[in-house]
C-alpha atoms as a PDB file:
ATOM      1  CA  UNK A   1      97.845  91.796  95.876  1.00  0.00           C
ATOM      2  CA  UNK A   2      94.798  92.938  97.862  1.00  0.00           C
ATOM      3  CA  UNK A   3      91.080  92.509  97.258  1.00  0.00           C
ATOM      4  CA  UNK A   4      88.557  95.311  97.654  1.00  0.00           C
ATOM      5  CA  UNK A   5      84.868  94.646  98.294  1.00  0.00           C
ATOM      6  CA  UNK A   6      82.656  96.959  96.221  1.00  0.00           C
ATOM      7  CA  UNK A   7      78.993  97.202  97.177  1.00  0.00           C
ATOM      8  CA  UNK A   8      75.882  99.156  96.141  1.00  0.00           C
ATOM      9  CA  UNK A   9      76.646  98.682  92.439  1.00  0.00           C
ATOM     10  CA  UNK A  10      74.021  99.473  89.790  1.00  0.00           C
ATOM     11  CA  UNK A  11      72.489  96.181  88.567  1.00  0.00           C
ATOM     12  CA  UNK A  12      73.837  96.586  85.010  1.00  0.00           C
ATOM     13  CA  UNK A  13      77.497  97.035  86.031  1.00  0.00           C
ATOM     14  CA  UNK A  14      79.983  94.747  84.258  1.00  0.00           C
ATOM     15  CA  UNK A  15      83.416  93.692  85.481  1.00  0.00           C
ATOM     16  CA  UNK A  16      84.862  95.812  82.634  1.00  0.00           C
ATOM     17  CA  UNK A  17      83.019  98.876  84.011  1.00  0.00           C
ATOM     18  CA  UNK A  18      84.486  98.171  87.432  1.00  0.00           C
ATOM     19  CA  UNK A  19      88.034  97.709  86.092  1.00  0.00           C
ATOM     20  CA  UNK A  20      87.992 100.914  84.073  1.00  0.00           C
ATOM     21  CA  UNK A  21      86.508 102.973  86.940  1.00  0.00           C
ATOM     22  CA  UNK A  22      88.983 101.661  89.521  1.00  0.00           C
ATOM     23  CA  UNK A  23      91.820 101.845  86.981  1.00  0.00           C
ATOM     24  CA  UNK A  24      91.606 105.644  87.155  1.00  0.00           C
ATOM     25  CA  UNK A  25      92.758 105.435  90.788  1.00  0.00           C
ATOM     26  CA  UNK A  26      95.426 102.707  90.713  1.00  0.00           C
ATOM     27  CA  UNK A  27      96.625  99.418  89.254  1.00  0.00           C
ATOM     28  CA  UNK A  28      93.751  96.935  88.780  1.00  0.00           C
ATOM     29  CA  UNK A  29      94.702  93.262  88.465  1.00  0.00           C
ATOM     30  CA  UNK A  30      91.189  91.861  87.997  1.00  0.00           C
ATOM     31  CA  UNK A  31      87.563  92.453  88.877  1.00  0.00           C
ATOM     32  CA  UNK A  32      84.438  90.373  89.112  1.00  0.00           C
ATOM     33  CA  UNK A  33      80.739  90.987  89.698  1.00  0.00           C
ATOM     34  CA  UNK A  34      78.962  88.485  91.924  1.00  0.00           C
ATOM     35  CA  UNK A  35      75.870  87.038  90.257  1.00  0.00           C
ATOM     36  CA  UNK A  36      72.939  85.002  91.473  1.00  0.00           C
ATOM     37  CA  UNK A  37      73.532  81.317  90.671  1.00  0.00           C
ATOM     38  CA  UNK A  38      69.970  80.685  89.551  1.00  0.00           C
ATOM     39  CA  UNK A  39      69.121  83.831  87.575  1.00  0.00           C
ATOM     40  CA  UNK A  40      72.601  84.967  86.493  1.00  0.00           C
ATOM     41  CA  UNK A  41      71.701  88.538  87.489  1.00  0.00           C
ATOM     42  CA  UNK A  42      74.064  90.797  89.405  1.00  0.00           C
ATOM     43  CA  UNK A  43      73.708  90.724  93.188  1.00  0.00           C
ATOM     44  CA  UNK A  44      74.843  94.363  93.360  1.00  0.00           C
ATOM     45  CA  UNK A  45      78.374  93.801  94.601  1.00  0.00           C
ATOM     46  CA  UNK A  46      81.748  92.624  93.405  1.00  0.00           C
ATOM     47  CA  UNK A  47      85.455  92.456  94.094  1.00  0.00           C
ATOM     48  CA  UNK A  48      88.432  94.257  92.592  1.00  0.00           C
ATOM     49  CA  UNK A  49      91.975  92.927  92.986  1.00  0.00           C
ATOM     50  CA  UNK A  50      94.558  95.720  93.167  1.00  0.00           C
ATOM     51  CA  UNK A  51      98.214  96.197  94.041  1.00  0.00           C
ATOM     52  CA  UNK A  52      98.844  96.172  97.811  1.00  0.00           C
ATOM     53  CA  UNK A  53     100.303  99.690  97.620  1.00  0.00           C
ATOM     54  CA  UNK A  54      97.047 101.057  96.176  1.00  0.00           C
ATOM     55  CA  UNK A  55      94.475  99.133  98.255  1.00  0.00           C
ATOM     56  CA  UNK A  56      93.913 101.273 101.341  1.00  0.00           C
ATOM     57  CA  UNK A  57      94.175 104.562  99.433  1.00  0.00           C
ATOM     58  CA  UNK A  58      91.691 103.356  96.800  1.00  0.00           C
ATOM     59  CA  UNK A  59      89.263 102.099  99.462  1.00  0.00           C
ATOM     60  CA  UNK A  60      89.435 105.463 101.221  1.00  0.00           C
ATOM     61  CA  UNK A  61      89.159 107.552  98.024  1.00  0.00           C
ATOM     62  CA  UNK A  62      86.333 105.538  96.448  1.00  0.00           C
ATOM     63  CA  UNK A  63      84.115 104.751  99.446  1.00  0.00           C
ATOM     64  CA  UNK A  64      80.977 106.874  99.002  1.00  0.00           C
ATOM     65  CA  UNK A  65      82.023 107.938  95.464  1.00  0.00           C
ATOM     66  CA  UNK A  66      79.174 108.177  92.949  1.00  0.00           C
ATOM     67  CA  UNK A  67      79.130 105.339  90.398  1.00  0.00           C
ATOM     68  CA  UNK A  68      76.172 105.143  88.038  1.00  0.00           C
ATOM     69  CA  UNK A  69      74.119 107.357  90.352  1.00  0.00           C
ATOM     70  CA  UNK A  70      74.773 105.296  93.482  1.00  0.00           C
ATOM     71  CA  UNK A  71      77.278 105.865  96.313  1.00  0.00           C
ATOM     72  CA  UNK A  72      79.764 102.974  96.371  1.00  0.00           C
ATOM     73  CA  UNK A  73      80.649 101.007  99.479  1.00  0.00           C
ATOM     74  CA  UNK A  74      84.341 100.155  99.195  1.00  0.00           C
ATOM     75  CA  UNK A  75      86.532  98.451 101.777  1.00  0.00           C
ATOM     76  CA  UNK A  76      89.250  95.861 101.995  1.00  0.00           C
ATOM     77  CA  UNK A  77      87.663  92.434 101.645  1.00  0.00           C
ATOM     78  CA  UNK A  78      87.839  90.080 104.584  1.00  0.00           C
ATOM     79  CA  UNK A  79      88.544  86.370 104.075  1.00  0.00           C
ATOM     80  CA  UNK A  80      85.470  84.163 103.736  1.00  0.00           C
ATOM     81  CA  UNK A  81      84.142  83.022 107.098  1.00  0.00           C
ATOM     82  CA  UNK A  82      83.874  79.281 107.536  1.00  0.00           C
ATOM     83  CA  UNK A  83      80.465  78.171 108.806  1.00  0.00           C
END
């Protein structure tokens, strides 16, 4: 399993929207939109977990692709950095 970072999302995007869009290009395991802790509003990015076999192809195919009128930023997520 691999995780893709997806940025520049329209503010009203749901995790279901993300799953169905990415599902057209490969096997989606799960997706989540990152929200602001205090307001609960989308922060404009999220993560999609996909099969390892699909990850790099999906990142390449979908980076810059129009989604809700905005060009997506898609790349393989890096592990969280410890401060």
